[in-house]
Amino acid sequence: MSVDRIDKTAEAGDGGVTTEAAAAAVTYYPVAPGVRLNVRSGPGTGYSIVRVLPEGSKVAIYCQTPGTTVSGPYGTSNIWDNIASGEFVSDAYVKTGSDGYVASRCAL
């Protein structure tokens, strides 16, 4: 099952991200067990799904940005992780070991 939940209206934006500086210090984090995670074109559930990560995936977080608030296995968060150019996942489904930011803010 693909997951993400809408708790607030998505914010508008084009989802463009600059990740050049972040590429040097990338850490991979596991997606919650048993979850097929929707990857969105921007930081919110109102953005289109560009692909779905399979169960057991790990993601690199290049930068993070606030967006739609989502509840998941790792709590409720408005933080969205940029995992590739134009690709975002809710931090509530990624085990970062923190309730806050673990990467720099995205330049949107």
PDB file of N, CA and C in Angstrom:
ATOM      1  N   MET A   1       0.831  -1.173   0.000  1.00  0.00           N
ATOM      2  CA  MET A   1       0.000   0.000   0.000  1.00  0.00           C
ATOM      3  C   MET A   1       0.879   1.240   0.000  1.00  0.00           C
ATOM      4  N   SER A   2       0.606   2.200  -0.841  1.00  0.00           N
ATOM      5  CA  SER A   2       1.291   3.475  -0.848  1.00  0.00           C
ATOM      6  C   SER A   2       0.671   4.354   0.210  1.00  0.00           C
ATOM      7  N   VAL A   3       1.507   5.138   0.906  1.00  0.00           N
ATOM      8  CA  VAL A   3       0.965   5.924   1.992  1.00  0.00           C
ATOM      9  C   VAL A   3       1.427   7.357   1.971  1.00  0.00           C
ATOM     10  N   ASP A   4       0.572   8.223   2.335  1.00  0.00           N
ATOM     11  CA  ASP A   4       0.773   9.561   2.839  1.00  0.00           C
ATOM     12  C   ASP A   4      -0.609  10.107   3.129  1.00  0.00           C
ATOM     13  N   ARG A   5      -0.716  10.959   4.103  1.00  0.00           N
ATOM     14  CA  ARG A   5      -2.026  11.428   4.529  1.00  0.00           C
ATOM     15  C   ARG A   5      -2.071  12.937   4.423  1.00  0.00           C
ATOM     16  N   ILE A   6      -3.244  13.458   4.062  1.00  0.00           N
ATOM     17  CA  ILE A   6      -3.423  14.899   3.960  1.00  0.00           C
ATOM     18  C   ILE A   6      -4.006  15.398   5.278  1.00  0.00           C
ATOM     19  N   ASP A   7      -3.261  16.280   5.974  1.00  0.00           N
ATOM     20  CA  ASP A   7      -3.758  16.884   7.195  1.00  0.00           C
ATOM     21  C   ASP A   7      -4.070  18.360   6.994  1.00  0.00           C
ATOM     22  N   LYS A   8      -3.469  18.981   5.993  1.00  0.00           N
ATOM     23  CA  LYS A   8      -3.696  20.378   5.683  1.00  0.00           C
ATOM     24  C   LYS A   8      -3.678  20.537   4.179  1.00  0.00           C
ATOM     25  N   THR A   9      -4.175  21.643   3.687  1.00  0.00           N
ATOM     26  CA  THR A   9      -4.147  21.925   2.266  1.00  0.00           C
ATOM     27  C   THR A   9      -2.701  22.137   1.838  1.00  0.00           C
ATOM     28  N   ALA A  10      -2.308  21.546   0.740  1.00  0.00           N
ATOM     29  CA  ALA A  10      -0.939  21.661   0.243  1.00  0.00           C
ATOM     30  C   ALA A  10      -0.634  23.090  -0.147  1.00  0.00           C
ATOM     31  N   GLU A  11       0.628  23.446   0.011  1.00  0.00           N
ATOM     32  CA  GLU A  11       1.064  24.772  -0.371  1.00  0.00           C
ATOM     33  C   GLU A  11       1.446  24.784  -1.841  1.00  0.00           C
ATOM     34  N   ALA A  12       1.238  25.908  -2.487  1.00  0.00           N
ATOM     35  CA  ALA A  12       1.592  26.037  -3.898  1.00  0.00           C
ATOM     36  C   ALA A  12       3.082  26.278  -4.024  1.00  0.00           C
ATOM     37  N   GLY A  13       3.644  25.918  -5.143  1.00  0.00           N
ATOM     38  CA  GLY A  13       5.061  26.145  -5.415  1.00  0.00           C
ATOM     39  C   GLY A  13       5.494  25.288  -6.570  1.00  0.00           C
ATOM     40  N   ASP A  14       6.669  25.594  -7.106  1.00  0.00           N
ATOM     41  CA  ASP A  14       7.097  24.835  -8.273  1.00  0.00           C
ATOM     42  C   ASP A  14       7.977  23.647  -7.910  1.00  0.00           C
ATOM     43  N   GLY A  15       8.450  23.538  -6.644  1.00  0.00           N
ATOM     44  CA  GLY A  15       9.196  22.372  -6.208  1.00  0.00           C
ATOM     45  C   GLY A  15      10.636  22.321  -6.681  1.00  0.00           C
ATOM     46  N   GLY A  16      11.149  23.374  -7.337  1.00  0.00           N
ATOM     47  CA  GLY A  16      12.539  23.387  -7.780  1.00  0.00           C
ATOM     48  C   GLY A  16      13.474  23.457  -6.589  1.00  0.00           C
ATOM     49  N   VAL A  17      14.548  22.694  -6.607  1.00  0.00           N
ATOM     50  CA  VAL A  17      15.448  22.630  -5.464  1.00  0.00           C
ATOM     51  C   VAL A  17      16.892  22.709  -5.921  1.00  0.00           C
ATOM     52  N   THR A  18      17.707  23.405  -5.139  1.00  0.00           N
ATOM     53  CA  THR A  18      19.133  23.447  -5.401  1.00  0.00           C
ATOM     54  C   THR A  18      19.820  22.514  -4.419  1.00  0.00           C
ATOM     55  N   THR A  19      20.567  21.514  -4.912  1.00  0.00           N
ATOM     56  CA  THR A  19      21.183  20.530  -4.019  1.00  0.00           C
ATOM     57  C   THR A  19      22.693  20.400  -4.225  1.00  0.00           C
ATOM     58  N   GLU A  20      23.313  21.313  -4.928  1.00  0.00           N
ATOM     59  CA  GLU A  20      24.733  21.175  -5.258  1.00  0.00           C
ATOM     60  C   GLU A  20      25.626  21.014  -4.037  1.00  0.00           C
ATOM     61  N   ALA A  21      25.504  21.903  -3.063  1.00  0.00           N
ATOM     62  CA  ALA A  21      26.370  21.855  -1.888  1.00  0.00           C
ATOM     63  C   ALA A  21      26.077  20.644  -1.018  1.00  0.00           C
ATOM     64  N   ALA A  22      24.830  20.214  -0.970  1.00  0.00           N
ATOM     65  CA  ALA A  22      24.444  19.094  -0.113  1.00  0.00           C
ATOM     66  C   ALA A  22      24.966  17.760  -0.618  1.00  0.00           C
ATOM     67  N   ALA A  23      25.300  17.650  -1.875  1.00  0.00           N
ATOM     68  CA  ALA A  23      25.709  16.375  -2.459  1.00  0.00           C
ATOM     69  C   ALA A  23      26.981  15.817  -1.820  1.00  0.00           C
ATOM     70  N   ALA A  24      27.813  16.657  -1.258  1.00  0.00           N
ATOM     71  CA  ALA A  24      29.084  16.209  -0.694  1.00  0.00           C
ATOM     72  C   ALA A  24      28.908  15.395   0.592  1.00  0.00           C
ATOM     73  N   ALA A  25      27.875  15.660   1.389  1.00  0.00           N
ATOM     74  CA  ALA A  25      27.705  15.008   2.684  1.00  0.00           C
ATOM     75  C   ALA A  25      26.354  14.303   2.763  1.00  0.00           C
ATOM     76  N   VAL A  26      26.184  13.266   1.973  1.00  0.00           N
ATOM     77  CA  VAL A  26      24.902  12.570   1.914  1.00  0.00           C
ATOM     78  C   VAL A  26      24.910  11.365   2.851  1.00  0.00           C
ATOM     79  N   THR A  27      23.837  11.231   3.636  1.00  0.00           N
ATOM     80  CA  THR A  27      23.622  10.075   4.492  1.00  0.00           C
ATOM     81  C   THR A  27      22.346   9.392   4.025  1.00  0.00           C
ATOM     82  N   TYR A  28      22.322   8.058   4.062  1.00  0.00           N
ATOM     83  CA  TYR A  28      21.140   7.298   3.665  1.00  0.00           C
ATOM     84  C   TYR A  28      20.358   6.881   4.903  1.00  0.00           C
ATOM     85  N   TYR A  29      19.033   7.026   4.813  1.00  0.00           N
ATOM     86  CA  TYR A  29      18.145   6.721   5.925  1.00  0.00           C
ATOM     87  C   TYR A  29      17.088   5.717   5.468  1.00  0.00           C
ATOM     88  N   PRO A  30      16.702   4.768   6.357  1.00  0.00           N
ATOM     89  CA  PRO A  30      15.692   3.772   5.971  1.00  0.00           C
ATOM     90  C   PRO A  30      14.266   4.327   6.010  1.00  0.00           C
ATOM     91  N   VAL A  31      13.464   3.888   5.046  1.00  0.00           N
ATOM     92  CA  VAL A  31      12.032   4.167   5.047  1.00  0.00           C
ATOM     93  C   VAL A  31      11.396   3.173   6.022  1.00  0.00           C
ATOM     94  N   ALA A  32      10.297   3.561   6.660  1.00  0.00           N
ATOM     95  CA  ALA A  32       9.625   2.705   7.640  1.00  0.00           C
ATOM     96  C   ALA A  32       9.385   1.302   7.077  1.00  0.00           C
ATOM     97  N   PRO A  33       9.583   0.270   7.902  1.00  0.00           N
ATOM     98  CA  PRO A  33       9.385  -1.113   7.450  1.00  0.00           C
ATOM     99  C   PRO A  33       7.971  -1.365   6.937  1.00  0.00           C
ATOM    100  N   GLY A  34       7.868  -2.118   5.853  1.00  0.00           N
ATOM    101  CA  GLY A  34       6.580  -2.502   5.305  1.00  0.00           C
ATOM    102  C   GLY A  34       5.844  -1.403   4.550  1.00  0.00           C
ATOM    103  N   VAL A  35       6.538  -0.305   4.280  1.00  0.00           N
ATOM    104  CA  VAL A  35       5.898   0.843   3.633  1.00  0.00           C
ATOM    105  C   VAL A  35       6.396   1.012   2.199  1.00  0.00           C
ATOM    106  N   ARG A  36       5.444   1.171   1.281  1.00  0.00           N
ATOM    107  CA  ARG A  36       5.748   1.625  -0.083  1.00  0.00           C
ATOM    108  C   ARG A  36       5.424   3.110  -0.076  1.00  0.00           C
ATOM    109  N   LEU A  37       6.441   3.953  -0.201  1.00  0.00           N
ATOM    110  CA  LEU A  37       6.293   5.384   0.052  1.00  0.00           C
ATOM    111  C   LEU A  37       6.157   6.196  -1.227  1.00  0.00           C
ATOM    112  N   ASN A  38       5.112   7.032  -1.261  1.00  0.00           N
ATOM    113  CA  ASN A  38       4.919   7.928  -2.396  1.00  0.00           C
ATOM    114  C   ASN A  38       6.006   8.992  -2.429  1.00  0.00           C
ATOM    115  N   VAL A  39       6.591   9.192  -3.596  1.00  0.00           N
ATOM    116  CA  VAL A  39       7.560  10.259  -3.819  1.00  0.00           C
ATOM    117  C   VAL A  39       6.817  11.334  -4.598  1.00  0.00           C
ATOM    118  N   ARG A  40       6.846  12.552  -4.097  1.00  0.00           N
ATOM    119  CA  ARG A  40       6.075  13.648  -4.675  1.00  0.00           C
ATOM    120  C   ARG A  40       6.976  14.659  -5.373  1.00  0.00           C
ATOM    121  N   SER A  41       6.383  15.436  -6.267  1.00  0.00           N
ATOM    122  CA  SER A  41       7.132  16.436  -7.032  1.00  0.00           C
ATOM    123  C   SER A  41       7.422  17.692  -6.224  1.00  0.00           C
ATOM    124  N   GLY A  42       6.842  17.820  -5.049  1.00  0.00           N
ATOM    125  CA  GLY A  42       7.073  18.961  -4.168  1.00  0.00           C
ATOM    126  C   GLY A  42       6.792  18.564  -2.739  1.00  0.00           C
ATOM    127  N   PRO A  43       7.019  19.487  -1.792  1.00  0.00           N
ATOM    128  CA  PRO A  43       6.913  19.179  -0.359  1.00  0.00           C
ATOM    129  C   PRO A  43       5.489  19.206   0.179  1.00  0.00           C
ATOM    130  N   GLY A  44       4.646  18.319  -0.327  1.00  0.00           N
ATOM    131  CA  GLY A  44       3.286  18.259   0.178  1.00  0.00           C
ATOM    132  C   GLY A  44       2.464  17.209  -0.535  1.00  0.00           C
ATOM    133  N   THR A  45       1.384  16.804   0.111  1.00  0.00           N
ATOM    134  CA  THR A  45       0.525  15.762  -0.440  1.00  0.00           C
ATOM    135  C   THR A  45      -0.295  16.247  -1.630  1.00  0.00           C
ATOM    136  N   GLY A  46      -0.341  17.545  -1.862  1.00  0.00           N
ATOM    137  CA  GLY A  46      -1.046  18.084  -3.017  1.00  0.00           C
ATOM    138  C   GLY A  46      -0.231  18.033  -4.296  1.00  0.00           C
ATOM    139  N   TYR A  47       1.049  17.719  -4.183  1.00  0.00           N
ATOM    140  CA  TYR A  47       1.909  17.591  -5.364  1.00  0.00           C
ATOM    141  C   TYR A  47       1.726  16.205  -5.982  1.00  0.00           C
ATOM    142  N   SER A  48       2.022  16.091  -7.259  1.00  0.00           N
ATOM    143  CA  SER A  48       1.825  14.819  -7.952  1.00  0.00           C
ATOM    144  C   SER A  48       2.830  13.764  -7.479  1.00  0.00           C
ATOM    145  N   ILE A  49       2.399  12.502  -7.567  1.00  0.00           N
ATOM    146  CA  ILE A  49       3.282  11.373  -7.248  1.00  0.00           C
ATOM    147  C   ILE A  49       4.135  11.107  -8.479  1.00  0.00           C
ATOM    148  N   VAL A  50       5.469  11.110  -8.296  1.00  0.00           N
ATOM    149  CA  VAL A  50       6.366  10.869  -9.427  1.00  0.00           C
ATOM    150  C   VAL A  50       6.857   9.426  -9.487  1.00  0.00           C
ATOM    151  N   ARG A  51       6.838   8.755  -8.338  1.00  0.00           N
ATOM    152  CA  ARG A  51       7.168   7.330  -8.268  1.00  0.00           C
ATOM    153  C   ARG A  51       6.838   6.833  -6.872  1.00  0.00           C
ATOM    154  N   VAL A  52       6.951   5.520  -6.655  1.00  0.00           N
ATOM    155  CA  VAL A  52       6.699   4.922  -5.348  1.00  0.00           C
ATOM    156  C   VAL A  52       7.928   4.108  -4.966  1.00  0.00           C
ATOM    157  N   LEU A  53       8.449   4.363  -3.776  1.00  0.00           N
ATOM    158  CA  LEU A  53       9.604   3.603  -3.293  1.00  0.00           C
ATOM    159  C   LEU A  53       9.138   2.233  -2.806  1.00  0.00           C
ATOM    160  N   PRO A  54       9.854   1.173  -3.152  1.00  0.00           N
ATOM    161  CA  PRO A  54       9.467  -0.159  -2.678  1.00  0.00           C
ATOM    162  C   PRO A  54       9.784  -0.342  -1.192  1.00  0.00           C
ATOM    163  N   GLU A  55       9.166  -1.353  -0.586  1.00  0.00           N
ATOM    164  CA  GLU A  55       9.464  -1.697   0.804  1.00  0.00           C
ATOM    165  C   GLU A  55      10.959  -1.942   0.960  1.00  0.00           C
ATOM    166  N   GLY A  56      11.508  -1.536   2.098  1.00  0.00           N
ATOM    167  CA  GLY A  56      12.924  -1.756   2.370  1.00  0.00           C
ATOM    168  C   GLY A  56      13.856  -0.717   1.772  1.00  0.00           C
ATOM    169  N   SER A  57      13.317   0.354   1.231  1.00  0.00           N
ATOM    170  CA  SER A  57      14.148   1.389   0.599  1.00  0.00           C
ATOM    171  C   SER A  57      14.918   2.209   1.630  1.00  0.00           C
ATOM    172  N   LYS A  58      16.039   2.749   1.180  1.00  0.00           N
ATOM    173  CA  LYS A  58      16.802   3.749   1.924  1.00  0.00           C
ATOM    174  C   LYS A  58      16.906   4.960   1.015  1.00  0.00           C
ATOM    175  N   VAL A  59      16.873   6.148   1.626  1.00  0.00           N
ATOM    176  CA  VAL A  59      16.917   7.370   0.837  1.00  0.00           C
ATOM    177  C   VAL A  59      18.041   8.284   1.303  1.00  0.00           C
ATOM    178  N   ALA A  60      18.640   8.979   0.353  1.00  0.00           N
ATOM    179  CA  ALA A  60      19.593  10.041   0.652  1.00  0.00           C
ATOM    180  C   ALA A  60      18.779  11.310   0.837  1.00  0.00           C
ATOM    181  N   ILE A  61      19.091  12.080   1.868  1.00  0.00           N
ATOM    182  CA  ILE A  61      18.407  13.353   2.084  1.00  0.00           C
ATOM    183  C   ILE A  61      19.379  14.464   1.734  1.00  0.00           C
ATOM    184  N   TYR A  62      19.085  15.184   0.651  1.00  0.00           N
ATOM    185  CA  TYR A  62      19.963  16.259   0.189  1.00  0.00           C
ATOM    186  C   TYR A  62      19.672  17.571   0.892  1.00  0.00           C
ATOM    187  N   CYS A  63      18.399  17.803   1.202  1.00  0.00           N
ATOM    188  CA  CYS A  63      17.990  18.978   1.954  1.00  0.00           C
ATOM    189  C   CYS A  63      16.571  18.727   2.442  1.00  0.00           C
ATOM    190  N   GLN A  64      16.083  19.587   3.329  1.00  0.00           N
ATOM    191  CA  GLN A  64      14.736  19.427   3.873  1.00  0.00           C
ATOM    192  C   GLN A  64      14.013  20.765   3.854  1.00  0.00           C
ATOM    193  N   THR A  65      12.680  20.701   3.791  1.00  0.00           N
ATOM    194  CA  THR A  65      11.875  21.911   3.714  1.00  0.00           C
ATOM    195  C   THR A  65      10.522  21.678   4.370  1.00  0.00           C
ATOM    196  N   PRO A  66       9.905  22.717   4.913  1.00  0.00           N
ATOM    197  CA  PRO A  66       8.565  22.538   5.462  1.00  0.00           C
ATOM    198  C   PRO A  66       7.521  22.398   4.356  1.00  0.00           C
ATOM    199  N   GLY A  67       6.455  21.684   4.659  1.00  0.00           N
ATOM    200  CA  GLY A  67       5.367  21.480   3.700  1.00  0.00           C
ATOM    201  C   GLY A  67       4.133  20.980   4.433  1.00  0.00           C
ATOM    202  N   THR A  68       3.330  20.191   3.761  1.00  0.00           N
ATOM    203  CA  THR A  68       2.112  19.624   4.346  1.00  0.00           C
ATOM    204  C   THR A  68       2.462  18.788   5.573  1.00  0.00           C
ATOM    205  N   THR A  69       1.687  18.917   6.635  1.00  0.00           N
ATOM    206  CA  THR A  69       1.878  18.097   7.830  1.00  0.00           C
ATOM    207  C   THR A  69       1.316  16.704   7.581  1.00  0.00           C
ATOM    208  N   VAL A  70       2.125  15.687   7.910  1.00  0.00           N
ATOM    209  CA  VAL A  70       1.766  14.289   7.671  1.00  0.00           C
ATOM    210  C   VAL A  70       2.026  13.487   8.949  1.00  0.00           C
ATOM    211  N   SER A  71       1.147  12.536   9.266  1.00  0.00           N
ATOM    212  CA  SER A  71       1.358  11.605  10.377  1.00  0.00           C
ATOM    213  C   SER A  71       1.787  10.263   9.811  1.00  0.00           C
ATOM    214  N   GLY A  72       2.836   9.683  10.399  1.00  0.00           N
ATOM    215  CA  GLY A  72       3.353   8.405   9.929  1.00  0.00           C
ATOM    216  C   GLY A  72       3.951   7.617  11.072  1.00  0.00           C
ATOM    217  N   PRO A  73       4.668   6.550  10.768  1.00  0.00           N
ATOM    218  CA  PRO A  73       5.255   5.690  11.789  1.00  0.00           C
ATOM    219  C   PRO A  73       6.233   6.400  12.718  1.00  0.00           C
ATOM    220  N   TYR A  74       6.840   7.488  12.252  1.00  0.00           N
ATOM    221  CA  TYR A  74       7.822   8.214  13.051  1.00  0.00           C
ATOM    222  C   TYR A  74       7.283   9.551  13.542  1.00  0.00           C
ATOM    223  N   GLY A  75       5.972   9.620  13.743  1.00  0.00           N
ATOM    224  CA  GLY A  75       5.367  10.815  14.316  1.00  0.00           C
ATOM    225  C   GLY A  75       4.641  11.665  13.284  1.00  0.00           C
ATOM    226  N   THR A  76       4.328  12.876  13.695  1.00  0.00           N
ATOM    227  CA  THR A  76       3.662  13.852  12.835  1.00  0.00           C
ATOM    228  C   THR A  76       4.658  14.956  12.538  1.00  0.00           C
ATOM    229  N   SER A  77       4.809  15.272  11.257  1.00  0.00           N
ATOM    230  CA  SER A  77       5.834  16.241  10.863  1.00  0.00           C
ATOM    231  C   SER A  77       5.399  17.021   9.637  1.00  0.00           C
ATOM    232  N   ASN A  78       5.876  18.254   9.550  1.00  0.00           N
ATOM    233  CA  ASN A  78       5.700  19.046   8.331  1.00  0.00           C
ATOM    234  C   ASN A  78       7.003  19.113   7.538  1.00  0.00           C
ATOM    235  N   ILE A  79       7.998  18.336   7.950  1.00  0.00           N
ATOM    236  CA  ILE A  79       9.291  18.308   7.253  1.00  0.00           C
ATOM    237  C   ILE A  79       9.211  17.348   6.067  1.00  0.00           C
ATOM    238  N   TRP A  80       9.687  17.813   4.922  1.00  0.00           N
ATOM    239  CA  TRP A  80       9.765  16.996   3.713  1.00  0.00           C
ATOM    240  C   TRP A  80      11.215  16.876   3.293  1.00  0.00           C
ATOM    241  N   ASP A  81      11.615  15.655   2.940  1.00  0.00           N
ATOM    242  CA  ASP A  81      12.989  15.340   2.568  1.00  0.00           C
ATOM    243  C   ASP A  81      13.139  15.350   1.052  1.00  0.00           C
ATOM    244  N   ASN A  82      14.109  16.106   0.561  1.00  0.00           N
ATOM    245  CA  ASN A  82      14.421  16.111  -0.871  1.00  0.00           C
ATOM    246  C   ASN A  82      15.380  14.945  -1.116  1.00  0.00           C
ATOM    247  N   ILE A  83      14.920  13.942  -1.897  1.00  0.00           N
ATOM    248  CA  ILE A  83      15.717  12.733  -2.111  1.00  0.00           C
ATOM    249  C   ILE A  83      16.342  12.674  -3.503  1.00  0.00           C
ATOM    250  N   ALA A  84      15.966  13.582  -4.372  1.00  0.00           N
ATOM    251  CA  ALA A  84      16.523  13.725  -5.724  1.00  0.00           C
ATOM    252  C   ALA A  84      15.933  15.010  -6.292  1.00  0.00           C
ATOM    253  N   SER A  85      16.415  15.434  -7.416  1.00  0.00           N
ATOM    254  CA  SER A  85      15.907  16.659  -8.021  1.00  0.00           C
ATOM    255  C   SER A  85      14.405  16.537  -8.301  1.00  0.00           C
ATOM    256  N   GLY A  86      13.612  17.405  -7.666  1.00  0.00           N
ATOM    257  CA  GLY A  86      12.171  17.379  -7.863  1.00  0.00           C
ATOM    258  C   GLY A  86      11.461  16.213  -7.215  1.00  0.00           C
ATOM    259  N   GLU A  87      12.080  15.565  -6.209  1.00  0.00           N
ATOM    260  CA  GLU A  87      11.491  14.408  -5.534  1.00  0.00           C
ATOM    261  C   GLU A  87      11.543  14.583  -4.018  1.00  0.00           C
ATOM    262  N   PHE A  88      10.361  14.495  -3.384  1.00  0.00           N
ATOM    263  CA  PHE A  88      10.236  14.707  -1.944  1.00  0.00           C
ATOM    264  C   PHE A  88       9.424  13.594  -1.302  1.00  0.00           C
ATOM    265  N   VAL A  89       9.796  13.246  -0.052  1.00  0.00           N
ATOM    266  CA  VAL A  89       9.025  12.302   0.758  1.00  0.00           C
ATOM    267  C   VAL A  89       8.815  12.919   2.135  1.00  0.00           C
ATOM    268  N   SER A  90       7.716  12.543   2.782  1.00  0.00           N
ATOM    269  CA  SER A  90       7.450  13.032   4.126  1.00  0.00           C
ATOM    270  C   SER A  90       8.442  12.436   5.105  1.00  0.00           C
ATOM    271  N   ASP A  91       9.012  13.287   5.962  1.00  0.00           N
ATOM    272  CA  ASP A  91       9.971  12.838   6.966  1.00  0.00           C
ATOM    273  C   ASP A  91       9.325  11.932   8.009  1.00  0.00           C
ATOM    274  N   ALA A  92       7.994  11.942   8.116  1.00  0.00           N
ATOM    275  CA  ALA A  92       7.284  11.093   9.069  1.00  0.00           C
ATOM    276  C   ALA A  92       7.412   9.605   8.724  1.00  0.00           C
ATOM    277  N   TYR A  93       7.901   9.303   7.517  1.00  0.00           N
ATOM    278  CA  TYR A  93       8.090   7.924   7.065  1.00  0.00           C
ATOM    279  C   TYR A  93       9.557   7.538   6.911  1.00  0.00           C
ATOM    280  N   VAL A  94      10.464   8.417   7.324  1.00  0.00           N
ATOM    281  CA  VAL A  94      11.900   8.168   7.185  1.00  0.00           C
ATOM    282  C   VAL A  94      12.529   8.177   8.570  1.00  0.00           C
ATOM    283  N   LYS A  95      13.287   7.128   8.893  1.00  0.00           N
ATOM    284  CA  LYS A  95      13.903   7.009  10.219  1.00  0.00           C
ATOM    285  C   LYS A  95      15.227   7.778  10.235  1.00  0.00           C
ATOM    286  N   THR A  96      15.135   9.039  10.690  1.00  0.00           N
ATOM    287  CA  THR A  96      16.334   9.882  10.746  1.00  0.00           C
ATOM    288  C   THR A  96      16.929   9.916  12.145  1.00  0.00           C
ATOM    289  N   GLY A  97      16.167   9.453  13.145  1.00  0.00           N
ATOM    290  CA  GLY A  97      16.640   9.513  14.524  1.00  0.00           C
ATOM    291  C   GLY A  97      16.429  10.870  15.158  1.00  0.00           C
ATOM    292  N   SER A  98      15.665  11.744  14.503  1.00  0.00           N
ATOM    293  CA  SER A  98      15.438  13.091  15.010  1.00  0.00           C
ATOM    294  C   SER A  98      14.020  13.535  14.688  1.00  0.00           C
ATOM    295  N   ASP A  99      13.458  14.388  15.550  1.00  0.00           N
ATOM    296  CA  ASP A  99      12.158  14.992  15.284  1.00  0.00           C
ATOM    297  C   ASP A  99      12.314  16.296  14.492  1.00  0.00           C
ATOM    298  N   GLY A 100      13.557  16.720  14.293  1.00  0.00           N
ATOM    299  CA  GLY A 100      13.817  17.973  13.604  1.00  0.00           C
ATOM    300  C   GLY A 100      14.585  17.754  12.306  1.00  0.00           C
ATOM    301  N   TYR A 101      15.192  18.827  11.845  1.00  0.00           N
ATOM    302  CA  TYR A 101      15.962  18.786  10.606  1.00  0.00           C
ATOM    303  C   TYR A 101      17.295  18.065  10.809  1.00  0.00           C
ATOM    304  N   VAL A 102      17.664  17.212   9.846  1.00  0.00           N
ATOM    305  CA  VAL A 102      18.959  16.514   9.884  1.00  0.00           C
ATOM    306  C   VAL A 102      19.822  16.923   8.680  1.00  0.00           C
ATOM    307  N   ALA A 103      19.285  17.781   7.837  1.00  0.00           N
ATOM    308  CA  ALA A 103      20.000  18.283   6.653  1.00  0.00           C
ATOM    309  C   ALA A 103      19.679  19.761   6.522  1.00  0.00           C
ATOM    310  N   SER A 104      20.407  20.439   5.659  1.00  0.00           N
ATOM    311  CA  SER A 104      20.174  21.859   5.463  1.00  0.00           C
ATOM    312  C   SER A 104      18.807  22.103   4.828  1.00  0.00           C
ATOM    313  N   ARG A 105      18.315  23.321   4.954  1.00  0.00           N
ATOM    314  CA  ARG A 105      17.054  23.702   4.344  1.00  0.00           C
ATOM    315  C   ARG A 105      17.239  23.810   2.833  1.00  0.00           C
ATOM    316  N   CYS A 106      16.230  23.375   2.091  1.00  0.00           N
ATOM    317  CA  CYS A 106      16.260  23.464   0.631  1.00  0.00           C
ATOM    318  C   CYS A 106      16.081  24.922   0.197  1.00  0.00           C
ATOM    319  N   ALA A 107      16.736  25.280  -0.879  1.00  0.00           N
ATOM    320  CA  ALA A 107      16.550  26.594  -1.481  1.00  0.00           C
ATOM    321  C   ALA A 107      15.490  26.432  -2.565  1.00  0.00           C
ATOM    322  N   LEU A 108      14.244  26.724  -2.209  1.00  0.00           N
ATOM    323  CA  LEU A 108      13.141  26.543  -3.163  1.00  0.00           C
ATOM    324  C   LEU A 108      12.938  27.798  -3.971  1.00  0.00           C
TER     325      LEU A 108
END
